[in-house]
């Protein structure tokens, strides 16, 4: 599986930062998140930001390693 330069930068950004809110990802990199999700490298989930919050926010985290998931 080949990753574009932007997809690789986005994957490395998410891997370095752990669980990242989607609003904290730089705007240019946000467009690569759906393709990384379709390739099975990241997962998008909703969670509360604080225990007393009534609203859930979207988070992204690394699901797999691009080197080990080559097909």
Protein backbone atom coordinates (compact mmCIF):
# COMPACT_ATOMS: atom_id res chain seq x y z
CA UNK A 1 0.00 0.00 0.00
CA UNK A 2 1.45 3.31 -1.07
CA UNK A 3 0.96 6.48 0.93
CA UNK A 4 1.25 9.93 -0.56
CA UNK A 5 3.59 12.44 1.05
CA UNK A 6 0.71 14.26 2.73
CA UNK A 7 -0.83 11.00 4.00
CA UNK A 8 2.52 9.98 5.49
CA UNK A 9 2.95 13.40 7.16
CA UNK A 10 -0.57 13.17 8.58
CA UNK A 11 -0.01 9.61 9.82
CA UNK A 12 3.26 10.62 11.52
CA UNK A 13 1.56 13.67 13.10
CA UNK A 14 -1.21 11.50 14.57
CA UNK A 15 1.27 8.81 15.67
CA UNK A 16 3.49 11.35 17.46
CA UNK A 17 0.59 13.05 19.26
CA UNK A 18 -1.43 9.95 20.20
CA UNK A 19 -5.16 10.61 20.43
CA UNK A 20 -5.80 13.89 18.60
CA UNK A 21 -9.01 15.89 18.31
CA UNK A 22 -9.81 16.40 14.65
CA UNK A 23 -10.01 20.17 15.17
CA UNK A 24 -6.38 20.12 16.40
CA UNK A 25 -5.08 18.60 13.17
CA UNK A 26 -3.72 21.24 10.77
CA UNK A 27 -6.35 22.08 8.10
CA UNK A 28 -4.24 20.82 5.21
CA UNK A 29 -3.80 17.43 6.88
CA UNK A 30 -7.49 16.94 7.68
CA UNK A 31 -8.21 15.97 4.09
CA UNK A 32 -5.92 12.93 4.35
CA UNK A 33 -7.72 11.46 7.39
CA UNK A 34 -10.55 9.77 5.38
CA UNK A 35 -8.09 8.03 3.06
CA UNK A 36 -6.00 6.86 6.04
CA UNK A 37 -9.20 5.58 7.64
CA UNK A 38 -10.17 3.71 4.46
CA UNK A 39 -6.71 2.11 4.36
CA UNK A 40 -7.18 0.93 7.96
CA UNK A 41 -4.31 2.93 9.44
CA UNK A 42 -6.28 5.25 11.73
CA UNK A 43 -9.61 5.13 13.48
CA UNK A 44 -11.99 7.99 14.15
CA UNK A 45 -14.13 7.84 17.28
CA UNK A 46 -16.20 10.14 19.45
CA UNK A 47 -15.48 10.74 23.13
CA UNK A 48 -16.13 13.28 25.85
CA UNK A 49 -13.43 15.90 26.35
CA UNK A 50 -14.21 16.28 30.06
CA UNK A 51 -16.25 14.16 32.48
CA UNK A 52 -18.95 16.82 32.89
CA UNK A 53 -19.23 17.64 29.18
CA UNK A 54 -22.54 16.91 27.46
CA UNK A 55 -21.09 16.97 23.96
CA UNK A 56 -18.79 14.42 22.33
CA UNK A 57 -15.94 15.44 20.04
CA UNK A 58 -14.25 13.45 17.26
CA UNK A 59 -10.80 12.02 17.93
CA UNK A 60 -8.32 10.22 15.69
CA UNK A 61 -5.75 7.62 16.75
CA UNK A 62 -3.34 5.31 14.97
CA UNK A 63 -4.68 1.84 14.39
CA UNK A 64 -1.80 0.17 12.56
CA UNK A 65 1.69 0.58 11.13
CA UNK A 66 1.94 1.25 7.35
CA UNK A 67 5.03 -0.98 7.07
CA UNK A 68 3.35 -3.99 8.67
CA UNK A 69 0.03 -3.59 6.83
CA UNK A 70 1.38 -3.85 3.29
CA UNK A 71 -0.73 -6.11 1.14
